[in-house]
Amino acid sequence: MKKRIIISYKKVVEYFKESHRLSPLAFWCELVECVLLVGASAVLTYTVLDPAMWIFVPLYMTGSFLGIISAVIRKAAMVIFLCSWFALANLIALIILILE
């Protein structure tokens, strides 16, 4: 059991190293994107009854823009489409927040 855990851990570490080796810029965009999106999701989860829009909307939007950058670098067509949709939706939400 312990040996399987060590082997699995090494595979995960190797996967991340390979991701970084293939494109350091995409890797760092994805890392920051992940932190921003998880943070935005946590804010939304904890403020669901009175959403903290000024916090999670910009986090989601910035994370989505970083997702577009990394997806273009990695040539991930459907991810580009999905992140573009989320970036646009959150940009519209931010504009509505500013105008109110």
PDB file of N, CA and C in Angstrom:
ATOM      1  N   MET A   1       0.817  -1.192   0.000  1.00  0.00           N
ATOM      2  CA  MET A   1       0.000   0.000   0.000  1.00  0.00           C
ATOM      3  C   MET A   1       0.867   1.266   0.000  1.00  0.00           C
ATOM      4  N   LYS A   2       1.857   1.298   0.902  1.00  0.00           N
ATOM      5  CA  LYS A   2       2.732   2.458   0.995  1.00  0.00           C
ATOM      6  C   LYS A   2       3.515   2.651  -0.311  1.00  0.00           C
ATOM      7  N   LYS A   3       3.922   1.545  -0.908  1.00  0.00           N
ATOM      8  CA  LYS A   3       4.683   1.609  -2.155  1.00  0.00           C
ATOM      9  C   LYS A   3       3.814   2.199  -3.268  1.00  0.00           C
ATOM     10  N   ARG A   4       2.523   1.827  -3.323  1.00  0.00           N
ATOM     11  CA  ARG A   4       1.609   2.378  -4.329  1.00  0.00           C
ATOM     12  C   ARG A   4       1.420   3.879  -4.153  1.00  0.00           C
ATOM     13  N   ILE A   5       1.333   4.319  -2.915  1.00  0.00           N
ATOM     14  CA  ILE A   5       1.172   5.746  -2.640  1.00  0.00           C
ATOM     15  C   ILE A   5       2.407   6.515  -3.111  1.00  0.00           C
ATOM     16  N   ILE A   6       3.579   5.980  -2.846  1.00  0.00           N
ATOM     17  CA  ILE A   6       4.826   6.625  -3.266  1.00  0.00           C
ATOM     18  C   ILE A   6       4.911   6.679  -4.791  1.00  0.00           C
ATOM     19  N   ILE A   7       4.558   5.581  -5.443  1.00  0.00           N
ATOM     20  CA  ILE A   7       4.578   5.539  -6.911  1.00  0.00           C
ATOM     21  C   ILE A   7       3.584   6.544  -7.483  1.00  0.00           C
ATOM     22  N   SER A   8       2.388   6.614  -6.909  1.00  0.00           N
ATOM     23  CA  SER A   8       1.374   7.560  -7.375  1.00  0.00           C
ATOM     24  C   SER A   8       1.846   8.993  -7.166  1.00  0.00           C
ATOM     25  N   TYR A   9       2.443   9.268  -6.023  1.00  0.00           N
ATOM     26  CA  TYR A   9       2.965  10.599  -5.730  1.00  0.00           C
ATOM     27  C   TYR A   9       4.027  10.985  -6.758  1.00  0.00           C
ATOM     28  N   LYS A  10       4.931  10.069  -7.064  1.00  0.00           N
ATOM     29  CA  LYS A  10       5.987  10.343  -8.036  1.00  0.00           C
ATOM     30  C   LYS A  10       5.403  10.620  -9.423  1.00  0.00           C
ATOM     31  N   LYS A  11       4.337   9.907  -9.789  1.00  0.00           N
ATOM     32  CA  LYS A  11       3.693  10.132 -11.086  1.00  0.00           C
ATOM     33  C   LYS A  11       3.060  11.527 -11.150  1.00  0.00           C
ATOM     34  N   VAL A  12       2.440  11.932 -10.068  1.00  0.00           N
ATOM     35  CA  VAL A  12       1.828  13.265 -10.025  1.00  0.00           C
ATOM     36  C   VAL A  12       2.904  14.343 -10.128  1.00  0.00           C
ATOM     37  N   VAL A  13       3.975  14.189  -9.373  1.00  0.00           N
ATOM     38  CA  VAL A  13       5.076  15.159  -9.420  1.00  0.00           C
ATOM     39  C   VAL A  13       5.662  15.213 -10.827  1.00  0.00           C
ATOM     40  N   GLU A  14       5.860  14.066 -11.444  1.00  0.00           N
ATOM     41  CA  GLU A  14       6.405  14.012 -12.806  1.00  0.00           C
ATOM     42  C   GLU A  14       5.459  14.673 -13.798  1.00  0.00           C
ATOM     43  N   TYR A  15       4.167  14.486 -13.604  1.00  0.00           N
ATOM     44  CA  TYR A  15       3.163  15.113 -14.473  1.00  0.00           C
ATOM     45  C   TYR A  15       3.278  16.632 -14.409  1.00  0.00           C
ATOM     46  N   PHE A  16       3.395  17.186 -13.192  1.00  0.00           N
ATOM     47  CA  PHE A  16       3.532  18.628 -13.033  1.00  0.00           C
ATOM     48  C   PHE A  16       4.850  19.131 -13.620  1.00  0.00           C
ATOM     49  N   LYS A  17       5.916  18.388 -13.432  1.00  0.00           N
ATOM     50  CA  LYS A  17       7.209  18.776 -14.016  1.00  0.00           C
ATOM     51  C   LYS A  17       7.136  18.803 -15.537  1.00  0.00           C
ATOM     52  N   GLU A  18       6.485  17.815 -16.117  1.00  0.00           N
ATOM     53  CA  GLU A  18       6.340  17.752 -17.572  1.00  0.00           C
ATOM     54  C   GLU A  18       5.483  18.904 -18.078  1.00  0.00           C
ATOM     55  N   SER A  19       4.427  19.226 -17.365  1.00  0.00           N
ATOM     56  CA  SER A  19       3.568  20.353 -17.726  1.00  0.00           C
ATOM     57  C   SER A  19       4.379  21.644 -17.741  1.00  0.00           C
ATOM     58  N   HIS A  20       5.205  21.835 -16.722  1.00  0.00           N
ATOM     59  CA  HIS A  20       6.046  23.034 -16.640  1.00  0.00           C
ATOM     60  C   HIS A  20       7.094  23.039 -17.746  1.00  0.00           C
ATOM     61  N   ARG A  21       7.692  21.895 -18.024  1.00  0.00           N
ATOM     62  CA  ARG A  21       8.716  21.800 -19.061  1.00  0.00           C
ATOM     63  C   ARG A  21       8.155  22.142 -20.436  1.00  0.00           C
ATOM     64  N   LEU A  22       6.934  21.662 -20.724  1.00  0.00           N
ATOM     65  CA  LEU A  22       6.332  21.905 -22.035  1.00  0.00           C
ATOM     66  C   LEU A  22       6.025  23.379 -22.264  1.00  0.00           C
ATOM     67  N   SER A  23       5.596  24.075 -21.227  1.00  0.00           N
ATOM     68  CA  SER A  23       5.317  25.507 -21.350  1.00  0.00           C
ATOM     69  C   SER A  23       5.267  26.153 -19.973  1.00  0.00           C
ATOM     70  N   PRO A  24       6.378  26.771 -19.557  1.00  0.00           N
ATOM     71  CA  PRO A  24       6.389  27.430 -18.250  1.00  0.00           C
ATOM     72  C   PRO A  24       5.323  28.525 -18.125  1.00  0.00           C
ATOM     73  N   LEU A  25       5.096  29.308 -19.188  1.00  0.00           N
ATOM     74  CA  LEU A  25       4.087  30.368 -19.127  1.00  0.00           C
ATOM     75  C   LEU A  25       2.692  29.788 -18.913  1.00  0.00           C
ATOM     76  N   ALA A  26       2.344  28.767 -19.681  1.00  0.00           N
ATOM     77  CA  ALA A  26       1.032  28.131 -19.516  1.00  0.00           C
ATOM     78  C   ALA A  26       0.906  27.533 -18.115  1.00  0.00           C
ATOM     79  N   PHE A  27       1.963  26.912 -17.629  1.00  0.00           N
ATOM     80  CA  PHE A  27       1.951  26.307 -16.294  1.00  0.00           C
ATOM     81  C   PHE A  27       1.638  27.347 -15.223  1.00  0.00           C
ATOM     82  N   TRP A  28       2.331  28.494 -15.252  1.00  0.00           N
ATOM     83  CA  TRP A  28       2.117  29.523 -14.234  1.00  0.00           C
ATOM     84  C   TRP A  28       0.754  30.181 -14.385  1.00  0.00           C
ATOM     85  N   CYS A  29       0.285  30.362 -15.625  1.00  0.00           N
ATOM     86  CA  CYS A  29      -1.073  30.882 -15.832  1.00  0.00           C
ATOM     87  C   CYS A  29      -2.093  29.931 -15.206  1.00  0.00           C
ATOM     88  N   GLU A  30      -1.901  28.644 -15.437  1.00  0.00           N
ATOM     89  CA  GLU A  30      -2.826  27.641 -14.892  1.00  0.00           C
ATOM     90  C   GLU A  30      -2.774  27.594 -13.372  1.00  0.00           C
ATOM     91  N   LEU A  31      -1.589  27.739 -12.817  1.00  0.00           N
ATOM     92  CA  LEU A  31      -1.455  27.718 -11.364  1.00  0.00           C
ATOM     93  C   LEU A  31      -2.182  28.905 -10.728  1.00  0.00           C
ATOM     94  N   VAL A  32      -1.949  30.107 -11.256  1.00  0.00           N
ATOM     95  CA  VAL A  32      -2.609  31.301 -10.718  1.00  0.00           C
ATOM     96  C   VAL A  32      -4.111  31.228 -10.978  1.00  0.00           C
ATOM     97  N   GLU A  33      -4.479  30.760 -12.176  1.00  0.00           N
ATOM     98  CA  GLU A  33      -5.903  30.574 -12.509  1.00  0.00           C
ATOM     99  C   GLU A  33      -6.578  29.669 -11.485  1.00  0.00           C
ATOM    100  N   CYS A  34      -5.942  28.571 -11.167  1.00  0.00           N
ATOM    101  CA  CYS A  34      -6.504  27.611 -10.207  1.00  0.00           C
ATOM    102  C   CYS A  34      -6.705  28.262  -8.841  1.00  0.00           C
ATOM    103  N   VAL A  35      -5.706  28.987  -8.366  1.00  0.00           N
ATOM    104  CA  VAL A  35      -5.807  29.653  -7.062  1.00  0.00           C
ATOM    105  C   VAL A  35      -6.950  30.672  -7.075  1.00  0.00           C
ATOM    106  N   LEU A  36      -7.043  31.481  -8.156  1.00  0.00           N
ATOM    107  CA  LEU A  36      -8.092  32.494  -8.247  1.00  0.00           C
ATOM    108  C   LEU A  36      -9.489  31.868  -8.297  1.00  0.00           C
ATOM    109  N   LEU A  37      -9.643  30.832  -9.113  1.00  0.00           N
ATOM    110  CA  LEU A  37     -10.962  30.220  -9.261  1.00  0.00           C
ATOM    111  C   LEU A  37     -11.401  29.474  -8.009  1.00  0.00           C
ATOM    112  N   VAL A  38     -10.478  28.802  -7.359  1.00  0.00           N
ATOM    113  CA  VAL A  38     -10.821  28.132  -6.098  1.00  0.00           C
ATOM    114  C   VAL A  38     -11.153  29.180  -5.039  1.00  0.00           C
ATOM    115  N   GLY A  39     -10.386  30.262  -5.010  1.00  0.00           N
ATOM    116  CA  GLY A  39     -10.669  31.339  -4.066  1.00  0.00           C
ATOM    117  C   GLY A  39     -12.030  31.968  -4.321  1.00  0.00           C
ATOM    118  N   ALA A  40     -12.345  32.243  -5.585  1.00  0.00           N
ATOM    119  CA  ALA A  40     -13.644  32.823  -5.937  1.00  0.00           C
ATOM    120  C   ALA A  40     -14.779  31.881  -5.552  1.00  0.00           C
ATOM    121  N   SER A  41     -14.587  30.615  -5.813  1.00  0.00           N
ATOM    122  CA  SER A  41     -15.593  29.627  -5.464  1.00  0.00           C
ATOM    123  C   SER A  41     -15.804  29.565  -3.952  1.00  0.00           C
ATOM    124  N   ALA A  42     -14.717  29.649  -3.197  1.00  0.00           N
ATOM    125  CA  ALA A  42     -14.819  29.635  -1.737  1.00  0.00           C
ATOM    126  C   ALA A  42     -15.564  30.872  -1.235  1.00  0.00           C
ATOM    127  N   VAL A  43     -15.249  32.033  -1.814  1.00  0.00           N
ATOM    128  CA  VAL A  43     -15.945  33.262  -1.415  1.00  0.00           C
ATOM    129  C   VAL A  43     -17.434  33.126  -1.698  1.00  0.00           C
ATOM    130  N   LEU A  44     -17.775  32.640  -2.882  1.00  0.00           N
ATOM    131  CA  LEU A  44     -19.183  32.477  -3.232  1.00  0.00           C
ATOM    132  C   LEU A  44     -19.868  31.466  -2.306  1.00  0.00           C
ATOM    133  N   THR A  45     -19.187  30.400  -1.990  1.00  0.00           N
ATOM    134  CA  THR A  45     -19.745  29.383  -1.095  1.00  0.00           C
ATOM    135  C   THR A  45     -20.044  29.951   0.289  1.00  0.00           C
ATOM    136  N   TYR A  46     -19.103  30.698   0.831  1.00  0.00           N
ATOM    137  CA  TYR A  46     -19.268  31.211   2.190  1.00  0.00           C
ATOM    138  C   TYR A  46     -20.169  32.440   2.274  1.00  0.00           C
ATOM    139  N   THR A  47     -20.413  33.102   1.136  1.00  0.00           N
ATOM    140  CA  THR A  47     -21.275  34.292   1.161  1.00  0.00           C
ATOM    141  C   THR A  47     -22.543  34.074   0.350  1.00  0.00           C
ATOM    142  N   VAL A  48     -22.951  32.843   0.163  1.00  0.00           N
ATOM    143  CA  VAL A  48     -24.053  32.503  -0.735  1.00  0.00           C
ATOM    144  C   VAL A  48     -25.356  33.233  -0.381  1.00  0.00           C
ATOM    145  N   LEU A  49     -25.603  33.471   0.881  1.00  0.00           N
ATOM    146  CA  LEU A  49     -26.846  34.139   1.268  1.00  0.00           C
ATOM    147  C   LEU A  49     -26.801  35.647   1.008  1.00  0.00           C
ATOM    148  N   ASP A  50     -25.614  36.202   0.951  1.00  0.00           N
ATOM    149  CA  ASP A  50     -25.406  37.611   0.612  1.00  0.00           C
ATOM    150  C   ASP A  50     -24.101  37.686  -0.176  1.00  0.00           C
ATOM    151  N   PRO A  51     -24.141  37.298  -1.460  1.00  0.00           N
ATOM    152  CA  PRO A  51     -22.918  37.128  -2.255  1.00  0.00           C
ATOM    153  C   PRO A  51     -22.009  38.360  -2.289  1.00  0.00           C
ATOM    154  N   ALA A  52     -20.735  38.125  -2.089  1.00  0.00           N
ATOM    155  CA  ALA A  52     -19.719  39.177  -2.137  1.00  0.00           C
ATOM    156  C   ALA A  52     -19.285  39.362  -3.594  1.00  0.00           C
ATOM    157  N   MET A  53     -20.173  39.979  -4.365  1.00  0.00           N
ATOM    158  CA  MET A  53     -19.964  40.117  -5.816  1.00  0.00           C
ATOM    159  C   MET A  53     -18.659  40.835  -6.170  1.00  0.00           C
ATOM    160  N   TRP A  54     -18.311  41.866  -5.389  1.00  0.00           N
ATOM    161  CA  TRP A  54     -17.107  42.650  -5.689  1.00  0.00           C
ATOM    162  C   TRP A  54     -15.835  41.857  -5.456  1.00  0.00           C
ATOM    163  N   ILE A  55     -15.945  40.726  -4.795  1.00  0.00           N
ATOM    164  CA  ILE A  55     -14.762  39.884  -4.581  1.00  0.00           C
ATOM    165  C   ILE A  55     -14.711  38.770  -5.622  1.00  0.00           C
ATOM    166  N   PHE A  56     -15.788  37.971  -5.727  1.00  0.00           N
ATOM    167  CA  PHE A  56     -15.673  36.777  -6.563  1.00  0.00           C
ATOM    168  C   PHE A  56     -15.791  37.041  -8.067  1.00  0.00           C
ATOM    169  N   VAL A  57     -16.513  38.067  -8.491  1.00  0.00           N
ATOM    170  CA  VAL A  57     -16.634  38.329  -9.938  1.00  0.00           C
ATOM    171  C   VAL A  57     -15.272  38.670 -10.554  1.00  0.00           C
ATOM    172  N   PRO A  58     -14.500  39.618  -9.967  1.00  0.00           N
ATOM    173  CA  PRO A  58     -13.172  39.887 -10.551  1.00  0.00           C
ATOM    174  C   PRO A  58     -12.228  38.680 -10.486  1.00  0.00           C
ATOM    175  N   LEU A  59     -12.344  37.884  -9.414  1.00  0.00           N
ATOM    176  CA  LEU A  59     -11.494  36.691  -9.316  1.00  0.00           C
ATOM    177  C   LEU A  59     -11.823  35.702 -10.430  1.00  0.00           C
ATOM    178  N   TYR A  60     -13.123  35.446 -10.630  1.00  0.00           N
ATOM    179  CA  TYR A  60     -13.536  34.542 -11.712  1.00  0.00           C
ATOM    180  C   TYR A  60     -13.104  35.087 -13.077  1.00  0.00           C
ATOM    181  N   MET A  61     -13.281  36.400 -13.293  1.00  0.00           N
ATOM    182  CA  MET A  61     -12.943  36.990 -14.582  1.00  0.00           C
ATOM    183  C   MET A  61     -11.439  36.886 -14.859  1.00  0.00           C
ATOM    184  N   THR A  62     -10.623  37.249 -13.879  1.00  0.00           N
ATOM    185  CA  THR A  62      -9.169  37.180 -14.050  1.00  0.00           C
ATOM    186  C   THR A  62      -8.717  35.739 -14.264  1.00  0.00           C
ATOM    187  N   GLY A  63      -9.261  34.825 -13.482  1.00  0.00           N
ATOM    188  CA  GLY A  63      -8.928  33.414 -13.655  1.00  0.00           C
ATOM    189  C   GLY A  63      -9.308  32.904 -15.032  1.00  0.00           C
ATOM    190  N   SER A  64     -10.444  33.351 -15.541  1.00  0.00           N
ATOM    191  CA  SER A  64     -10.894  32.924 -16.870  1.00  0.00           C
ATOM    192  C   SER A  64      -9.978  33.468 -17.966  1.00  0.00           C
ATOM    193  N   PHE A  65      -9.525  34.721 -17.824  1.00  0.00           N
ATOM    194  CA  PHE A  65      -8.590  35.280 -18.802  1.00  0.00           C
ATOM    195  C   PHE A  65      -7.267  34.508 -18.802  1.00  0.00           C
ATOM    196  N   LEU A  66      -6.795  34.142 -17.617  1.00  0.00           N
ATOM    197  CA  LEU A  66      -5.573  33.327 -17.538  1.00  0.00           C
ATOM    198  C   LEU A  66      -5.803  31.953 -18.160  1.00  0.00           C
ATOM    199  N   GLY A  67      -7.015  31.420 -17.994  1.00  0.00           N
ATOM    200  CA  GLY A  67      -7.357  30.141 -18.625  1.00  0.00           C
ATOM    201  C   GLY A  67      -7.316  30.236 -20.142  1.00  0.00           C
ATOM    202  N   ILE A  68      -7.756  31.360 -20.683  1.00  0.00           N
ATOM    203  CA  ILE A  68      -7.696  31.559 -22.140  1.00  0.00           C
ATOM    204  C   ILE A  68      -6.244  31.549 -22.602  1.00  0.00           C
ATOM    205  N   ILE A  69      -5.391  32.273 -21.891  1.00  0.00           N
ATOM    206  CA  ILE A  69      -3.971  32.338 -22.270  1.00  0.00           C
ATOM    207  C   ILE A  69      -3.350  30.950 -22.274  1.00  0.00           C
ATOM    208  N   SER A  70      -3.541  30.211 -21.184  1.00  0.00           N
ATOM    209  CA  SER A  70      -2.918  28.883 -21.112  1.00  0.00           C
ATOM    210  C   SER A  70      -3.530  27.922 -22.125  1.00  0.00           C
ATOM    211  N   ALA A  71      -4.838  28.051 -22.381  1.00  0.00           N
ATOM    212  CA  ALA A  71      -5.486  27.160 -23.350  1.00  0.00           C
ATOM    213  C   ALA A  71      -5.004  27.449 -24.769  1.00  0.00           C
ATOM    214  N   VAL A  72      -4.771  28.712 -25.091  1.00  0.00           N
ATOM    215  CA  VAL A  72      -4.237  29.054 -26.418  1.00  0.00           C
ATOM    216  C   VAL A  72      -2.839  28.463 -26.571  1.00  0.00           C
ATOM    217  N   ILE A  73      -2.017  28.617 -25.534  1.00  0.00           N
ATOM    218  CA  ILE A  73      -0.660  28.061 -25.581  1.00  0.00           C
ATOM    219  C   ILE A  73      -0.699  26.549 -25.752  1.00  0.00           C
ATOM    220  N   ARG A  74      -1.593  25.885 -25.027  1.00  0.00           N
ATOM    221  CA  ARG A  74      -1.682  24.419 -25.063  1.00  0.00           C
ATOM    222  C   ARG A  74      -2.533  23.900 -26.225  1.00  0.00           C
ATOM    223  N   LYS A  75      -3.149  24.832 -26.970  1.00  0.00           N
ATOM    224  CA  LYS A  75      -3.996  24.479 -28.120  1.00  0.00           C
ATOM    225  C   LYS A  75      -5.169  23.581 -27.696  1.00  0.00           C
ATOM    226  N   ALA A  76      -5.863  24.016 -26.648  1.00  0.00           N
ATOM    227  CA  ALA A  76      -7.010  23.279 -26.128  1.00  0.00           C
ATOM    228  C   ALA A  76      -8.282  24.021 -26.528  1.00  0.00           C
ATOM    229  N   ALA A  77      -8.820  23.676 -27.683  1.00  0.00           N
ATOM    230  CA  ALA A  77      -9.910  24.431 -28.301  1.00  0.00           C
ATOM    231  C   ALA A  77     -11.145  24.568 -27.416  1.00  0.00           C
ATOM    232  N   MET A  78     -11.622  23.501 -26.852  1.00  0.00           N
ATOM    233  CA  MET A  78     -12.839  23.579 -26.045  1.00  0.00           C
ATOM    234  C   MET A  78     -12.609  24.363 -24.758  1.00  0.00           C
ATOM    235  N   VAL A  79     -11.413  24.293 -24.212  1.00  0.00           N
ATOM    236  CA  VAL A  79     -11.090  25.067 -23.010  1.00  0.00           C
ATOM    237  C   VAL A  79     -11.075  26.558 -23.352  1.00  0.00           C
ATOM    238  N   ILE A  80     -10.560  26.902 -24.539  1.00  0.00           N
ATOM    239  CA  ILE A  80     -10.583  28.300 -24.985  1.00  0.00           C
ATOM    240  C   ILE A  80     -12.026  28.786 -25.047  1.00  0.00           C
ATOM    241  N   PHE A  81     -12.895  27.998 -25.630  1.00  0.00           N
ATOM    242  CA  PHE A  81     -14.310  28.372 -25.741  1.00  0.00           C
ATOM    243  C   PHE A  81     -14.933  28.551 -24.361  1.00  0.00           C
ATOM    244  N   LEU A  82     -14.732  27.592 -23.477  1.00  0.00           N
ATOM    245  CA  LEU A  82     -15.324  27.632 -22.143  1.00  0.00           C
ATOM    246  C   LEU A  82     -14.804  28.825 -21.329  1.00  0.00           C
ATOM    247  N   CYS A  83     -13.489  29.013 -21.323  1.00  0.00           N
ATOM    248  CA  CYS A  83     -12.917  30.132 -20.564  1.00  0.00           C
ATOM    249  C   CYS A  83     -13.333  31.473 -21.158  1.00  0.00           C
ATOM    250  N   SER A  84     -13.465  31.540 -22.479  1.00  0.00           N
ATOM    251  CA  SER A  84     -13.916  32.780 -23.118  1.00  0.00           C
ATOM    252  C   SER A  84     -15.337  33.107 -22.692  1.00  0.00           C
ATOM    253  N   TRP A  85     -16.184  32.096 -22.649  1.00  0.00           N
ATOM    254  CA  TRP A  85     -17.556  32.313 -22.211  1.00  0.00           C
ATOM    255  C   TRP A  85     -17.594  32.836 -20.772  1.00  0.00           C
ATOM    256  N   PHE A  86     -16.831  32.202 -19.873  1.00  0.00           N
ATOM    257  CA  PHE A  86     -16.818  32.631 -18.478  1.00  0.00           C
ATOM    258  C   PHE A  86     -16.210  34.028 -18.320  1.00  0.00           C
ATOM    259  N   ALA A  87     -15.160  34.312 -19.086  1.00  0.00           N
ATOM    260  CA  ALA A  87     -14.548  35.642 -19.018  1.00  0.00           C
ATOM    261  C   ALA A  87     -15.544  36.705 -19.469  1.00  0.00           C
ATOM    262  N   LEU A  88     -16.241  36.449 -20.569  1.00  0.00           N
ATOM    263  CA  LEU A  88     -17.232  37.398 -21.073  1.00  0.00           C
ATOM    264  C   LEU A  88     -18.375  37.577 -20.068  1.00  0.00           C
ATOM    265  N   ALA A  89     -18.894  36.484 -19.541  1.00  0.00           N
ATOM    266  CA  ALA A  89     -19.994  36.554 -18.577  1.00  0.00           C
ATOM    267  C   ALA A  89     -19.592  37.346 -17.336  1.00  0.00           C
ATOM    268  N   ASN A  90     -18.388  37.132 -16.848  1.00  0.00           N
ATOM    269  CA  ASN A  90     -17.943  37.845 -15.654  1.00  0.00           C
ATOM    270  C   ASN A  90     -17.570  39.291 -15.958  1.00  0.00           C
ATOM    271  N   LEU A  91     -17.114  39.570 -17.170  1.00  0.00           N
ATOM    272  CA  LEU A  91     -16.872  40.951 -17.579  1.00  0.00           C
ATOM    273  C   LEU A  91     -18.194  41.724 -17.612  1.00  0.00           C
ATOM    274  N   ILE A  92     -19.218  41.122 -18.166  1.00  0.00           N
ATOM    275  CA  ILE A  92     -20.552  41.748 -18.185  1.00  0.00           C
ATOM    276  C   ILE A  92     -21.042  41.969 -16.759  1.00  0.00           C
ATOM    277  N   ALA A  93     -20.873  40.974 -15.900  1.00  0.00           N
ATOM    278  CA  ALA A  93     -21.293  41.103 -14.495  1.00  0.00           C
ATOM    279  C   ALA A  93     -20.554  42.236 -13.811  1.00  0.00           C
ATOM    280  N   LEU A  94     -19.256  42.361 -14.090  1.00  0.00           N
ATOM    281  CA  LEU A  94     -18.457  43.428 -13.469  1.00  0.00           C
ATOM    282  C   LEU A  94     -18.926  44.806 -13.960  1.00  0.00           C
ATOM    283  N   ILE A  95     -19.205  44.907 -15.251  1.00  0.00           N
ATOM    284  CA  ILE A  95     -19.715  46.175 -15.803  1.00  0.00           C
ATOM    285  C   ILE A  95     -21.049  46.546 -15.148  1.00  0.00           C
ATOM    286  N   ILE A  96     -21.932  45.570 -15.000  1.00  0.00           N
ATOM    287  CA  ILE A  96     -23.222  45.826 -14.332  1.00  0.00           C
ATOM    288  C   ILE A  96     -22.996  46.274 -12.882  1.00  0.00           C
ATOM    289  N   LEU A  97     -22.056  45.652 -12.187  1.00  0.00           N
ATOM    290  CA  LEU A  97     -21.753  46.063 -10.818  1.00  0.00           C
ATOM    291  C   LEU A  97     -21.242  47.503 -10.768  1.00  0.00           C
ATOM    292  N   ILE A  98     -20.384  47.864 -11.708  1.00  0.00           N
ATOM    293  CA  ILE A  98     -19.826  49.215 -11.747  1.00  0.00           C
ATOM    294  C   ILE A  98     -20.903  50.245 -12.045  1.00  0.00           C
ATOM    295  N   LEU A  99     -21.804  49.905 -12.953  1.00  0.00           N
ATOM    296  CA  LEU A  99     -22.842  50.858 -13.358  1.00  0.00           C
ATOM    297  C   LEU A  99     -23.940  51.035 -12.312  1.00  0.00           C
ATOM    298  N   GLU A 100     -24.076  50.109 -11.400  1.00  0.00           N
ATOM    299  CA  GLU A 100     -25.125  50.227 -10.374  1.00  0.00           C
ATOM    300  C   GLU A 100     -24.700  51.087  -9.225  1.00  0.00           C
TER     301      GLU A 100
END
